[in-house]
Amino acid sequence: MISSRFIILASAAAVLAAASAPASAASRSANPIKMFDTDNDGTIDLAEAKKAASEMFAKLDRDHDGTLDKRELAGRVGAKELSAADPDHDGTLTADEYLAVVEQRFNAVNKDSDGTIDAKELRSSAGKALLRLLK
């Protein structure tokens, strides 16, 4: 026979579990490291950054032509940086060109050259610039 104490404890546990699920999802989106850190080591490496950037590229490429123009980039890349990253000078970035910008920004953030970006590095102005390409 199941006691009323057991039912009350089980109900309380279920309520607590349900309440914590949205909080963990919210904390993941509020913490960029957790958003992009697929190996859960507390940092973002270049492969993780490029994976996130590739997903963002696909979202931004609304006309599905395989390139991002100034309108699709929506301020993520300035005119000067766009020009420098666009070797064929067609006013658009291919996925490879976009990822090259991501790598440049990643290297600018990774001041200690350890191959990873931690939360402190990501809070820098260079880190915020990188995040604009990832999310």
Protein backbone atom coordinates (compact mmCIF):
# COMPACT_ATOMS: atom_id res chain seq x y z
CA MET A 1 0.00 0.00 0.00
CA ILE A 2 1.35 3.41 -0.97
CA SER A 3 1.41 5.86 1.89
CA SER A 4 0.19 9.42 1.59
CA ARG A 5 3.67 10.59 2.62
CA PHE A 6 5.16 8.84 -0.45
CA ILE A 7 2.58 10.43 -2.74
CA ILE A 8 3.27 13.89 -1.33
CA LEU A 9 7.05 13.45 -1.68
CA ALA A 10 6.73 12.10 -5.23
CA SER A 11 4.46 15.00 -6.20
CA ALA A 12 6.87 17.53 -4.72
CA ALA A 13 9.79 15.95 -6.58
CA ALA A 14 7.87 16.08 -9.86
CA VAL A 15 7.01 19.76 -9.34
CA LEU A 16 10.63 20.61 -8.56
CA ALA A 17 11.90 18.71 -11.60
CA ALA A 18 9.42 20.44 -13.90
CA ALA A 19 10.29 23.84 -12.49
CA SER A 20 14.03 23.34 -13.00
CA ALA A 21 13.77 22.33 -16.68
CA PRO A 22 12.91 25.80 -18.02
CA ALA A 23 15.55 27.34 -15.78
CA SER A 24 18.28 25.13 -17.21
CA ALA A 25 17.15 25.90 -20.76
CA ALA A 26 17.16 29.61 -19.95
CA SER A 27 20.61 29.41 -18.37
CA ARG A 28 21.93 27.61 -21.46
CA SER A 29 20.72 30.40 -23.74
CA ALA A 30 21.96 33.07 -21.34
CA ASN A 31 25.42 31.47 -21.16
CA PRO A 32 27.10 31.45 -24.59
CA ILE A 33 29.75 28.99 -23.43
CA LYS A 34 27.05 26.43 -22.65
CA MET A 35 25.29 27.18 -25.95
CA PHE A 36 28.30 26.30 -28.10
CA ASP A 37 30.43 24.04 -25.86
CA THR A 38 29.48 20.68 -27.36
CA ASP A 39 32.23 18.75 -25.53
CA ASN A 40 31.25 20.32 -22.18
CA ASP A 41 34.79 21.35 -21.22
CA GLY A 42 33.77 24.88 -20.21
CA THR A 43 35.35 26.53 -23.25
CA ILE A 44 34.68 27.05 -26.95
CA ASP A 45 37.26 25.79 -29.42
CA LEU A 46 37.49 26.77 -33.07
CA ALA A 47 35.63 23.68 -34.27
CA GLU A 48 32.72 24.45 -31.94
CA ALA A 49 32.70 28.09 -33.06
CA LYS A 50 32.71 27.08 -36.73
CA LYS A 51 29.91 24.56 -36.15
CA ALA A 52 27.74 27.26 -34.57
CA ALA A 53 28.70 29.72 -37.33
CA SER A 54 27.76 27.20 -40.04
CA GLU A 55 24.34 26.78 -38.44
CA MET A 56 23.94 30.56 -38.24
CA PHE A 57 25.02 30.95 -41.88
CA ALA A 58 22.26 28.54 -42.92
CA LYS A 59 19.68 30.52 -40.90
CA LEU A 60 20.83 33.85 -42.31
CA ASP A 61 20.83 32.62 -45.93
CA ARG A 62 17.12 33.26 -46.35
CA ASP A 63 17.18 33.09 -50.14
CA HIS A 64 19.20 29.85 -50.05
CA ASP A 65 21.68 31.00 -52.67
CA GLY A 66 24.71 29.89 -50.66
CA THR A 67 25.87 33.43 -49.94
CA LEU A 68 25.13 36.21 -47.48
CA ASP A 69 24.72 39.73 -48.74
CA LYS A 70 24.82 42.90 -46.66
CA ARG A 71 21.11 42.65 -45.88
CA GLU A 72 21.35 39.03 -44.74
CA LEU A 73 24.43 39.79 -42.63
CA ALA A 74 22.34 42.41 -40.80
CA GLY A 75 25.24 44.29 -39.21
CA ARG A 76 27.19 41.22 -38.12
CA VAL A 77 30.04 42.24 -40.42
CA GLY A 78 30.94 45.85 -41.15
CA ALA A 79 31.48 47.18 -44.67
CA LYS A 80 35.27 47.25 -44.30
CA GLU A 81 35.40 43.71 -42.92
CA LEU A 82 32.97 42.50 -45.61
CA SER A 83 35.21 43.96 -48.30
CA ALA A 84 38.32 42.35 -46.80
CA ALA A 85 36.57 38.97 -46.43
CA ASP A 86 35.15 39.02 -49.97
CA PRO A 87 38.06 38.09 -52.28
CA ASP A 88 35.91 38.01 -55.42
CA HIS A 89 34.38 41.42 -54.53
CA ASP A 90 30.84 40.35 -55.35
CA GLY A 91 29.44 41.94 -52.19
CA THR A 92 28.55 38.60 -50.61
CA LEU A 93 30.17 36.02 -48.36
CA THR A 94 30.13 32.31 -49.11
CA ALA A 95 30.08 29.88 -46.19
CA ASP A 96 33.87 29.47 -46.45
CA GLU A 97 34.38 33.25 -46.45
CA TYR A 98 32.05 33.61 -43.45
CA LEU A 99 33.95 30.90 -41.59
CA ALA A 100 37.22 32.66 -42.38
CA VAL A 101 35.85 35.77 -40.63
CA VAL A 102 34.81 33.56 -37.70
CA GLU A 103 38.34 32.18 -37.48
CA GLN A 104 39.85 35.67 -37.57
CA ARG A 105 37.55 36.84 -34.80
CA PHE A 106 38.17 33.66 -32.81
CA ASN A 107 41.92 34.27 -32.98
CA ALA A 108 41.43 37.88 -31.91
CA VAL A 109 39.50 36.69 -28.83
CA ASN A 110 41.95 33.91 -28.00
CA LYS A 111 44.62 36.25 -26.59
CA ASP A 112 46.40 33.50 -24.66
CA SER A 113 46.65 31.33 -27.82
CA ASP A 114 45.51 28.21 -25.98
CA GLY A 115 43.06 27.25 -28.74
CA THR A 116 39.99 27.82 -26.59
CA ILE A 117 37.85 30.71 -25.47
CA ASP A 118 36.63 30.91 -21.88
CA ALA A 119 33.84 33.05 -20.44
CA LYS A 120 36.18 35.91 -19.55
CA GLU A 121 37.58 36.10 -23.08
CA LEU A 122 34.06 35.93 -24.52
CA ARG A 123 32.99 38.97 -22.48
CA SER A 124 35.61 41.14 -24.22
CA SER A 125 34.62 43.40 -27.13
CA ALA A 126 36.32 40.93 -29.50
CA GLY A 127 34.33 38.13 -27.88
CA LYS A 128 31.08 39.99 -28.39
CA ALA A 129 32.01 40.55 -32.05
CA LEU A 130 32.56 36.80 -32.43
CA LEU A 131 29.22 36.04 -30.79
CA ARG A 132 27.45 38.18 -33.41
CA LEU A 133 28.55 35.62 -36.01
CA LEU A 134 27.48 32.63 -33.92
CA LYS A 135 24.02 33.55 -32.66
